[in-house]
């Protein structure tokens, strides 16, 4: 049978516009109902007394302290995890050692387990009645649980995978020809990393760091366990919002929620910009 006769027998499949429109409508409806509308409701509720009412609620001493605590603990966590996450990704890609596959799977564990479990684990390790927590308190004068250090530890555990999984794929796909050439010419390992490897990792590291920061802003489960709900001491913004809901102060809860959303959304927008820039550079 000739190719011409086969082409004549095969009828072209006609596209169904209603099918395309149905898929689009379903996806957009889902997006609007479960994402856009709740965000608009928060905006409407937080601004129901105008900008002056919003400003009053977020500048209350407890609210302002909770926002400052959230920002600086999230920033501290981001600095630590950026360094350690990058180092971990480099080791996982460039070195072979026993248990590597198991360790690679454990890295994603914080994304899978409930954050409340993270809080319980930290309390068991660093609680004031536990050996480790008691040692820190008696020898260094540092309280871990129900204090900012506990918040940072919880955030470090929860957001660690974001950095590793942002950097690891870039290292896996990176062409090592330039590194090998530099090594052949006698360059040191540090010089090779700083001058050749690091430029490839700058954007992925920044993206992972911002994702970690955005995730930390809204963390509640682990924080409410390790930090408690102590106003002006260890109460983060998410826990403050919970307390305002319990107190039936919807305006206060919505106002602080708007600030948290604005910070997280700005971080996400910048991440998207960096990812697009990274694709253009690649």
C-alpha atoms as a PDB file:
ATOM      1  CA  UNK A   1       0.000   0.000   0.000  1.00  0.00           C
ATOM      2  CA  UNK A   2       1.446   3.347  -0.985  1.00  0.00           C
ATOM      3  CA  UNK A   3       1.986   6.241   1.348  1.00  0.00           C
ATOM      4  CA  UNK A   4      -0.526   8.314  -0.601  1.00  0.00           C
ATOM      5  CA  UNK A   5      -3.301   5.768  -0.135  1.00  0.00           C
ATOM      6  CA  UNK A   6      -2.535   5.505   3.586  1.00  0.00           C
ATOM      7  CA  UNK A   7      -2.752   9.268   3.966  1.00  0.00           C
ATOM      8  CA  UNK A   8      -6.077   9.235   2.150  1.00  0.00           C
ATOM      9  CA  UNK A   9      -7.491   6.567   4.487  1.00  0.00           C
ATOM     10  CA  UNK A  10      -6.358   8.295   7.693  1.00  0.00           C
ATOM     11  CA  UNK A  11      -8.826  11.024   8.520  1.00  0.00           C
ATOM     12  CA  UNK A  12      -7.495  14.076  10.332  1.00  0.00           C
ATOM     13  CA  UNK A  13      -8.588  14.321  13.934  1.00  0.00           C
ATOM     14  CA  UNK A  14     -10.651  17.439  14.415  1.00  0.00           C
ATOM     15  CA  UNK A  15      -9.963  19.448  17.504  1.00  0.00           C
ATOM     16  CA  UNK A  16     -12.859  20.050  19.852  1.00  0.00           C
ATOM     17  CA  UNK A  17     -12.949  23.681  20.979  1.00  0.00           C
ATOM     18  CA  UNK A  18     -15.466  22.849  23.703  1.00  0.00           C
ATOM     19  CA  UNK A  19     -12.952  20.429  25.207  1.00  0.00           C
ATOM     20  CA  UNK A  20     -10.215  23.051  25.375  1.00  0.00           C
ATOM     21  CA  UNK A  21     -12.583  25.643  26.792  1.00  0.00           C
ATOM     22  CA  UNK A  22     -13.914  23.191  29.375  1.00  0.00           C
ATOM     23  CA  UNK A  23     -10.416  22.400  30.633  1.00  0.00           C
ATOM     24  CA  UNK A  24      -9.520  26.067  30.821  1.00  0.00           C
ATOM     25  CA  UNK A  25     -12.771  26.951  32.563  1.00  0.00           C
ATOM     26  CA  UNK A  26     -12.359  24.150  35.096  1.00  0.00           C
ATOM     27  CA  UNK A  27      -8.783  25.130  35.916  1.00  0.00           C
ATOM     28  CA  UNK A  28      -9.579  28.844  36.176  1.00  0.00           C
ATOM     29  CA  UNK A  29     -12.709  28.206  38.265  1.00  0.00           C
ATOM     30  CA  UNK A  30     -10.717  26.084  40.692  1.00  0.00           C
ATOM     31  CA  UNK A  31      -8.028  28.779  40.890  1.00  0.00           C
ATOM     32  CA  UNK A  32     -10.556  31.523  41.533  1.00  0.00           C
ATOM     33  CA  UNK A  33     -12.601  29.623  44.122  1.00  0.00           C
ATOM     34  CA  UNK A  34      -9.761  28.153  46.169  1.00  0.00           C
ATOM     35  CA  UNK A  35      -7.102  30.870  45.814  1.00  0.00           C
ATOM     36  CA  UNK A  36      -8.293  34.233  44.521  1.00  0.00           C
ATOM     37  CA  UNK A  37     -11.520  34.510  46.521  1.00  0.00           C
ATOM     38  CA  UNK A  38      -9.928  33.656  49.915  1.00  0.00           C
ATOM     39  CA  UNK A  39      -7.193  36.226  49.280  1.00  0.00           C
ATOM     40  CA  UNK A  40      -9.792  38.859  48.361  1.00  0.00           C
ATOM     41  CA  UNK A  41     -11.786  38.026  51.503  1.00  0.00           C
ATOM     42  CA  UNK A  42      -8.696  38.607  53.653  1.00  0.00           C
ATOM     43  CA  UNK A  43      -8.084  41.938  51.898  1.00  0.00           C
ATOM     44  CA  UNK A  44     -11.701  42.984  52.378  1.00  0.00           C
ATOM     45  CA  UNK A  45     -11.694  42.022  56.032  1.00  0.00           C
ATOM     46  CA  UNK A  46      -8.325  43.599  56.802  1.00  0.00           C
ATOM     47  CA  UNK A  47      -9.229  46.882  55.127  1.00  0.00           C
ATOM     48  CA  UNK A  48     -12.801  47.194  56.327  1.00  0.00           C
ATOM     49  CA  UNK A  49     -11.796  50.089  58.604  1.00  0.00           C
ATOM     50  CA  UNK A  50      -9.501  51.623  56.011  1.00  0.00           C
ATOM     51  CA  UNK A  51      -5.757  52.019  55.992  1.00  0.00           C
ATOM     52  CA  UNK A  52      -5.807  53.756  59.368  1.00  0.00           C
ATOM     53  CA  UNK A  53      -7.493  50.767  60.963  1.00  0.00           C
ATOM     54  CA  UNK A  54      -5.022  48.418  59.301  1.00  0.00           C
ATOM     55  CA  UNK A  55      -2.080  50.487  60.499  1.00  0.00           C
ATOM     56  CA  UNK A  56      -3.448  50.630  64.035  1.00  0.00           C
ATOM     57  CA  UNK A  57      -3.789  46.849  64.214  1.00  0.00           C
ATOM     58  CA  UNK A  58      -0.306  46.052  62.920  1.00  0.00           C
ATOM     59  CA  UNK A  59       1.383  48.676  65.125  1.00  0.00           C
ATOM     60  CA  UNK A  60      -0.044  47.327  68.362  1.00  0.00           C
ATOM     61  CA  UNK A  61       2.931  46.316  70.561  1.00  0.00           C
ATOM     62  CA  UNK A  62       2.180  42.584  70.454  1.00  0.00           C
ATOM     63  CA  UNK A  63       1.491  42.591  66.707  1.00  0.00           C
ATOM     64  CA  UNK A  64       4.568  44.648  65.849  1.00  0.00           C
ATOM     65  CA  UNK A  65       6.801  42.493  68.041  1.00  0.00           C
ATOM     66  CA  UNK A  66       5.442  39.301  66.466  1.00  0.00           C
ATOM     67  CA  UNK A  67       6.173  40.621  62.975  1.00  0.00           C
ATOM     68  CA  UNK A  68       9.700  41.726  63.911  1.00  0.00           C
ATOM     69  CA  UNK A  69      10.388  38.371  65.576  1.00  0.00           C
ATOM     70  CA  UNK A  70       9.126  36.518  62.517  1.00  0.00           C
ATOM     71  CA  UNK A  71      11.252  38.584  60.152  1.00  0.00           C
ATOM     72  CA  UNK A  72      14.552  38.369  62.006  1.00  0.00           C
ATOM     73  CA  UNK A  73      14.276  34.675  62.902  1.00  0.00           C
ATOM     74  CA  UNK A  74      13.334  33.874  59.295  1.00  0.00           C
ATOM     75  CA  UNK A  75      16.256  35.956  58.045  1.00  0.00           C
ATOM     76  CA  UNK A  76      18.678  34.244  60.446  1.00  0.00           C
ATOM     77  CA  UNK A  77      17.420  30.844  59.357  1.00  0.00           C
ATOM     78  CA  UNK A  78      17.802  31.817  55.702  1.00  0.00           C
ATOM     79  CA  UNK A  79      21.457  32.795  56.154  1.00  0.00           C
ATOM     80  CA  UNK A  80      22.321  29.545  57.942  1.00  0.00           C
ATOM     81  CA  UNK A  81      20.371  27.268  55.623  1.00  0.00           C
ATOM     82  CA  UNK A  82      21.703  28.984  52.514  1.00  0.00           C
ATOM     83  CA  UNK A  83      25.242  28.089  53.511  1.00  0.00           C
ATOM     84  CA  UNK A  84      24.551  24.608  54.859  1.00  0.00           C
ATOM     85  CA  UNK A  85      22.044  23.709  52.136  1.00  0.00           C
ATOM     86  CA  UNK A  86      24.488  24.686  49.397  1.00  0.00           C
ATOM     87  CA  UNK A  87      27.246  22.717  51.112  1.00  0.00           C
ATOM     88  CA  UNK A  88      24.977  19.669  51.442  1.00  0.00           C
ATOM     89  CA  UNK A  89      23.922  19.833  47.787  1.00  0.00           C
ATOM     90  CA  UNK A  90      27.567  20.048  46.717  1.00  0.00           C
ATOM     91  CA  UNK A  91      28.531  17.023  48.826  1.00  0.00           C
ATOM     92  CA  UNK A  92      25.535  15.002  47.583  1.00  0.00           C
ATOM     93  CA  UNK A  93      26.434  15.636  43.938  1.00  0.00           C
ATOM     94  CA  UNK A  94      30.229  15.619  43.914  1.00  0.00           C
ATOM     95  CA  UNK A  95      31.063  12.839  46.411  1.00  0.00           C
ATOM     96  CA  UNK A  96      30.261   9.143  46.710  1.00  0.00           C
ATOM     97  CA  UNK A  97      29.942   7.636  50.197  1.00  0.00           C
ATOM     98  CA  UNK A  98      28.034   4.844  51.971  1.00  0.00           C
ATOM     99  CA  UNK A  99      24.397   5.664  52.707  1.00  0.00           C
ATOM    100  CA  UNK A 100      24.224   8.465  50.151  1.00  0.00           C
ATOM    101  CA  UNK A 101      20.875   7.336  48.692  1.00  0.00           C
ATOM    102  CA  UNK A 102      19.331   7.050  52.161  1.00  0.00           C
ATOM    103  CA  UNK A 103      20.607  10.484  53.130  1.00  0.00           C
ATOM    104  CA  UNK A 104      19.277  11.934  49.879  1.00  0.00           C
ATOM    105  CA  UNK A 105      15.814  10.601  50.747  1.00  0.00           C
ATOM    106  CA  UNK A 106      15.986  11.871  54.346  1.00  0.00           C
ATOM    107  CA  UNK A 107      16.596  15.415  53.072  1.00  0.00           C
ATOM    108  CA  UNK A 108      12.976  15.535  51.866  1.00  0.00           C
ATOM    109  CA  UNK A 109      11.599  14.233  55.176  1.00  0.00           C
ATOM    110  CA  UNK A 110      10.768  17.699  56.578  1.00  0.00           C
ATOM    111  CA  UNK A 111       8.415  18.209  53.637  1.00  0.00           C
ATOM    112  CA  UNK A 112       6.566  14.983  54.383  1.00  0.00           C
ATOM    113  CA  UNK A 113       6.097  14.886  58.143  1.00  0.00           C
ATOM    114  CA  UNK A 114       3.654  17.188  59.983  1.00  0.00           C
ATOM    115  CA  UNK A 115       5.347  20.278  61.333  1.00  0.00           C
ATOM    116  CA  UNK A 116       3.829  19.534  64.737  1.00  0.00           C
ATOM    117  CA  UNK A 117       6.032  16.446  64.819  1.00  0.00           C
ATOM    118  CA  UNK A 118       9.036  18.691  64.235  1.00  0.00           C
ATOM    119  CA  UNK A 119       8.056  20.751  67.249  1.00  0.00           C
ATOM    120  CA  UNK A 120       7.668  17.663  69.426  1.00  0.00           C
ATOM    121  CA  UNK A 121      11.093  16.355  68.342  1.00  0.00           C
ATOM    122  CA  UNK A 122      12.756  19.641  69.273  1.00  0.00           C
ATOM    123  CA  UNK A 123      11.016  19.765  72.653  1.00  0.00           C
ATOM    124  CA  UNK A 124      12.205  16.224  73.391  1.00  0.00           C
ATOM    125  CA  UNK A 125      15.770  17.212  72.471  1.00  0.00           C
ATOM    126  CA  UNK A 126      16.041  20.728  73.870  1.00  0.00           C
ATOM    127  CA  UNK A 127      13.329  20.965  76.508  1.00  0.00           C
ATOM    128  CA  UNK A 128      14.369  22.647  79.781  1.00  0.00           C
ATOM    129  CA  UNK A 129      14.045  19.325  81.608  1.00  0.00           C
ATOM    130  CA  UNK A 130      16.062  17.402  79.012  1.00  0.00           C
ATOM    131  CA  UNK A 131      19.820  16.858  79.271  1.00  0.00           C
ATOM    132  CA  UNK A 132      20.744  18.875  76.182  1.00  0.00           C
ATOM    133  CA  UNK A 133      18.390  21.764  76.904  1.00  0.00           C
ATOM    134  CA  UNK A 134      19.464  21.871  80.541  1.00  0.00           C
ATOM    135  CA  UNK A 135      23.137  21.956  79.517  1.00  0.00           C
ATOM    136  CA  UNK A 136      22.595  24.923  77.188  1.00  0.00           C
ATOM    137  CA  UNK A 137      20.678  26.753  79.894  1.00  0.00           C
ATOM    138  CA  UNK A 138      23.070  26.103  82.781  1.00  0.00           C
ATOM    139  CA  UNK A 139      26.394  26.394  80.923  1.00  0.00           C
ATOM    140  CA  UNK A 140      25.682  28.967  78.214  1.00  0.00           C
ATOM    141  CA  UNK A 141      22.655  30.737  79.638  1.00  0.00           C
ATOM    142  CA  UNK A 142      20.693  30.002  76.461  1.00  0.00           C
ATOM    143  CA  UNK A 143      17.075  28.893  76.561  1.00  0.00           C
ATOM    144  CA  UNK A 144      16.129  26.949  73.443  1.00  0.00           C
ATOM    145  CA  UNK A 145      12.483  26.067  73.941  1.00  0.00           C
ATOM    146  CA  UNK A 146       9.983  28.926  74.416  1.00  0.00           C
ATOM    147  CA  UNK A 147      12.598  31.338  73.079  1.00  0.00           C
ATOM    148  CA  UNK A 148      13.836  32.597  69.669  1.00  0.00           C
ATOM    149  CA  UNK A 149      16.569  29.905  69.332  1.00  0.00           C
ATOM    150  CA  UNK A 150      13.863  27.251  69.287  1.00  0.00           C
ATOM    151  CA  UNK A 151      12.051  29.141  66.533  1.00  0.00           C
ATOM    152  CA  UNK A 152      15.210  29.270  64.425  1.00  0.00           C
ATOM    153  CA  UNK A 153      15.895  25.553  64.958  1.00  0.00           C
ATOM    154  CA  UNK A 154      12.365  24.655  63.885  1.00  0.00           C
ATOM    155  CA  UNK A 155      12.618  26.820  60.774  1.00  0.00           C
ATOM    156  CA  UNK A 156      16.035  25.367  59.917  1.00  0.00           C
ATOM    157  CA  UNK A 157      14.597  21.849  59.952  1.00  0.00           C
ATOM    158  CA  UNK A 158      11.435  22.657  58.007  1.00  0.00           C
ATOM    159  CA  UNK A 159      12.969  24.741  55.203  1.00  0.00           C
ATOM    160  CA  UNK A 160      16.260  22.879  54.698  1.00  0.00           C
ATOM    161  CA  UNK A 161      15.068  20.950  51.582  1.00  0.00           C
ATOM    162  CA  UNK A 162      14.271  24.146  49.677  1.00  0.00           C
ATOM    163  CA  UNK A 163      17.923  25.151  49.412  1.00  0.00           C
ATOM    164  CA  UNK A 164      19.245  21.678  48.677  1.00  0.00           C
ATOM    165  CA  UNK A 165      16.670  20.919  45.982  1.00  0.00           C
ATOM    166  CA  UNK A 166      17.213  24.281  44.325  1.00  0.00           C
ATOM    167  CA  UNK A 167      20.995  23.866  44.024  1.00  0.00           C
ATOM    168  CA  UNK A 168      21.294  20.104  43.478  1.00  0.00           C
ATOM    169  CA  UNK A 169      19.777  19.914  39.955  1.00  0.00           C
ATOM    170  CA  UNK A 170      22.036  22.725  38.721  1.00  0.00           C
ATOM    171  CA  UNK A 171      25.122  20.922  39.991  1.00  0.00           C
ATOM    172  CA  UNK A 172      23.953  17.692  38.359  1.00  0.00           C
ATOM    173  CA  UNK A 173      23.466  19.342  34.967  1.00  0.00           C
ATOM    174  CA  UNK A 174      26.573  21.504  35.104  1.00  0.00           C
ATOM    175  CA  UNK A 175      29.291  20.834  32.543  1.00  0.00           C
ATOM    176  CA  UNK A 176      32.485  20.197  34.501  1.00  0.00           C
ATOM    177  CA  UNK A 177      34.840  20.756  31.558  1.00  0.00           C
ATOM    178  CA  UNK A 178      35.863  24.201  32.825  1.00  0.00           C
ATOM    179  CA  UNK A 179      36.484  22.861  36.323  1.00  0.00           C
ATOM    180  CA  UNK A 180      38.631  20.018  34.965  1.00  0.00           C
ATOM    181  CA  UNK A 181      40.597  22.446  32.796  1.00  0.00           C
ATOM    182  CA  UNK A 182      41.214  24.760  35.756  1.00  0.00           C
ATOM    183  CA  UNK A 183      42.349  21.809  37.886  1.00  0.00           C
ATOM    184  CA  UNK A 184      44.728  20.725  35.122  1.00  0.00           C
ATOM    185  CA  UNK A 185      46.236  24.215  35.124  1.00  0.00           C
ATOM    186  CA  UNK A 186      46.890  23.957  38.852  1.00  0.00           C
ATOM    187  CA  UNK A 187      44.000  25.955  40.311  1.00  0.00           C
ATOM    188  CA  UNK A 188      43.068  25.146  43.908  1.00  0.00           C
ATOM    189  CA  UNK A 189      39.718  23.561  44.802  1.00  0.00           C
ATOM    190  CA  UNK A 190      38.520  26.774  46.459  1.00  0.00           C
ATOM    191  CA  UNK A 191      39.563  28.886  43.468  1.00  0.00           C
ATOM    192  CA  UNK A 192      37.730  26.519  41.111  1.00  0.00           C
ATOM    193  CA  UNK A 193      34.566  26.663  43.209  1.00  0.00           C
ATOM    194  CA  UNK A 194      34.586  30.432  43.696  1.00  0.00           C
ATOM    195  CA  UNK A 195      35.446  31.453  40.134  1.00  0.00           C
ATOM    196  CA  UNK A 196      33.788  28.714  38.079  1.00  0.00           C
ATOM    197  CA  UNK A 197      31.142  26.841  40.075  1.00  0.00           C
ATOM    198  CA  UNK A 198      29.735  29.663  42.189  1.00  0.00           C
ATOM    199  CA  UNK A 199      28.499  31.856  39.283  1.00  0.00           C
ATOM    200  CA  UNK A 200      26.332  28.960  38.074  1.00  0.00           C
ATOM    201  CA  UNK A 201      24.831  28.562  41.538  1.00  0.00           C
ATOM    202  CA  UNK A 202      24.115  32.195  42.417  1.00  0.00           C
ATOM    203  CA  UNK A 203      20.580  32.355  41.017  1.00  0.00           C
ATOM    204  CA  UNK A 204      19.496  28.891  42.245  1.00  0.00           C
ATOM    205  CA  UNK A 205      20.860  29.671  45.713  1.00  0.00           C
ATOM    206  CA  UNK A 206      18.979  32.974  45.776  1.00  0.00           C
ATOM    207  CA  UNK A 207      15.770  31.262  44.631  1.00  0.00           C
ATOM    208  CA  UNK A 208      16.036  28.565  47.282  1.00  0.00           C
ATOM    209  CA  UNK A 209      16.823  31.133  49.967  1.00  0.00           C
ATOM    210  CA  UNK A 210      13.802  33.249  49.096  1.00  0.00           C
ATOM    211  CA  UNK A 211      11.529  30.207  49.008  1.00  0.00           C
ATOM    212  CA  UNK A 212      12.812  29.217  52.438  1.00  0.00           C
ATOM    213  CA  UNK A 213      12.212  32.718  53.754  1.00  0.00           C
ATOM    214  CA  UNK A 214       8.690  32.850  52.324  1.00  0.00           C
ATOM    215  CA  UNK A 215       7.890  29.437  53.807  1.00  0.00           C
ATOM    216  CA  UNK A 216       9.238  30.452  57.217  1.00  0.00           C
ATOM    217  CA  UNK A 217       7.073  33.576  57.391  1.00  0.00           C
ATOM    218  CA  UNK A 218       3.883  31.541  57.705  1.00  0.00           C
ATOM    219  CA  UNK A 219       5.093  28.561  59.741  1.00  0.00           C
ATOM    220  CA  UNK A 220       2.745  27.727  62.601  1.00  0.00           C
ATOM    221  CA  UNK A 221       2.709  24.046  63.599  1.00  0.00           C
ATOM    222  CA  UNK A 222       6.281  23.637  64.813  1.00  0.00           C
ATOM    223  CA  UNK A 223       6.509  27.177  66.170  1.00  0.00           C
ATOM    224  CA  UNK A 224       3.471  26.919  68.416  1.00  0.00           C
ATOM    225  CA  UNK A 225       5.080  23.863  70.058  1.00  0.00           C
ATOM    226  CA  UNK A 226       8.643  25.131  70.523  1.00  0.00           C
ATOM    227  CA  UNK A 227       7.901  28.820  71.133  1.00  0.00           C
ATOM    228  CA  UNK A 228       4.542  28.712  72.789  1.00  0.00           C
ATOM    229  CA  UNK A 229       2.239  31.717  72.677  1.00  0.00           C
ATOM    230  CA  UNK A 230       4.049  34.241  74.856  1.00  0.00           C
ATOM    231  CA  UNK A 231       3.320  37.824  73.692  1.00  0.00           C
ATOM    232  CA  UNK A 232       6.314  40.151  73.404  1.00  0.00           C
ATOM    233  CA  UNK A 233       8.694  37.238  73.880  1.00  0.00           C
ATOM    234  CA  UNK A 234       8.264  34.228  71.585  1.00  0.00           C
ATOM    235  CA  UNK A 235       5.003  34.887  69.771  1.00  0.00           C
ATOM    236  CA  UNK A 236       5.515  34.893  65.996  1.00  0.00           C
ATOM    237  CA  UNK A 237       3.132  36.486  63.513  1.00  0.00           C
ATOM    238  CA  UNK A 238       1.381  33.215  62.633  1.00  0.00           C
ATOM    239  CA  UNK A 239       0.818  32.387  66.296  1.00  0.00           C
ATOM    240  CA  UNK A 240      -0.364  35.967  66.909  1.00  0.00           C
ATOM    241  CA  UNK A 241      -2.953  35.565  64.147  1.00  0.00           C
ATOM    242  CA  UNK A 242      -4.138  32.347  65.760  1.00  0.00           C
ATOM    243  CA  UNK A 243      -4.471  34.126  69.095  1.00  0.00           C
ATOM    244  CA  UNK A 244      -6.486  36.947  67.525  1.00  0.00           C
ATOM    245  CA  UNK A 245      -8.842  34.452  65.908  1.00  0.00           C
ATOM    246  CA  UNK A 246      -9.288  32.764  69.299  1.00  0.00           C
ATOM    247  CA  UNK A 247     -10.042  36.192  70.788  1.00  0.00           C
ATOM    248  CA  UNK A 248     -12.553  36.872  67.988  1.00  0.00           C
ATOM    249  CA  UNK A 249     -10.540  39.859  66.768  1.00  0.00           C
ATOM    250  CA  UNK A 250     -10.928  39.204  63.046  1.00  0.00           C
ATOM    251  CA  UNK A 251      -9.642  42.620  62.073  1.00  0.00           C
ATOM    252  CA  UNK A 252      -6.369  42.134  63.952  1.00  0.00           C
ATOM    253  CA  UNK A 253      -5.929  38.649  62.524  1.00  0.00           C
ATOM    254  CA  UNK A 254      -6.645  39.808  58.979  1.00  0.00           C
ATOM    255  CA  UNK A 255      -4.387  42.862  59.262  1.00  0.00           C
ATOM    256  CA  UNK A 256      -1.319  40.863  60.335  1.00  0.00           C
ATOM    257  CA  UNK A 257      -2.208  38.181  57.784  1.00  0.00           C
ATOM    258  CA  UNK A 258      -2.100  40.814  55.049  1.00  0.00           C
ATOM    259  CA  UNK A 259       1.399  41.871  56.075  1.00  0.00           C
ATOM    260  CA  UNK A 260       2.580  38.243  56.097  1.00  0.00           C
ATOM    261  CA  UNK A 261       1.005  37.631  52.684  1.00  0.00           C
ATOM    262  CA  UNK A 262       2.631  40.757  51.253  1.00  0.00           C
ATOM    263  CA  UNK A 263       6.082  39.669  52.450  1.00  0.00           C
ATOM    264  CA  UNK A 264       5.676  36.100  51.216  1.00  0.00           C
ATOM    265  CA  UNK A 265       4.171  37.177  47.880  1.00  0.00           C
ATOM    266  CA  UNK A 266       7.000  39.643  47.259  1.00  0.00           C
ATOM    267  CA  UNK A 267       9.498  36.847  47.869  1.00  0.00           C
ATOM    268  CA  UNK A 268       7.677  34.518  45.462  1.00  0.00           C
ATOM    269  CA  UNK A 269       7.527  37.184  42.758  1.00  0.00           C
ATOM    270  CA  UNK A 270      11.270  37.725  43.078  1.00  0.00           C
ATOM    271  CA  UNK A 271      11.850  33.960  42.906  1.00  0.00           C
ATOM    272  CA  UNK A 272       9.893  33.788  39.646  1.00  0.00           C
ATOM    273  CA  UNK A 273      11.972  36.650  38.272  1.00  0.00           C
ATOM    274  CA  UNK A 274      15.214  34.880  39.217  1.00  0.00           C
ATOM    275  CA  UNK A 275      14.027  31.610  37.669  1.00  0.00           C
ATOM    276  CA  UNK A 276      13.164  33.324  34.391  1.00  0.00           C
ATOM    277  CA  UNK A 277      16.501  35.107  34.432  1.00  0.00           C
ATOM    278  CA  UNK A 278      18.252  31.799  35.083  1.00  0.00           C
ATOM    279  CA  UNK A 279      16.551  30.219  32.072  1.00  0.00           C
ATOM    280  CA  UNK A 280      17.586  33.131  29.845  1.00  0.00           C
ATOM    281  CA  UNK A 281      21.170  32.878  31.059  1.00  0.00           C
ATOM    282  CA  UNK A 282      21.158  29.088  30.536  1.00  0.00           C
END
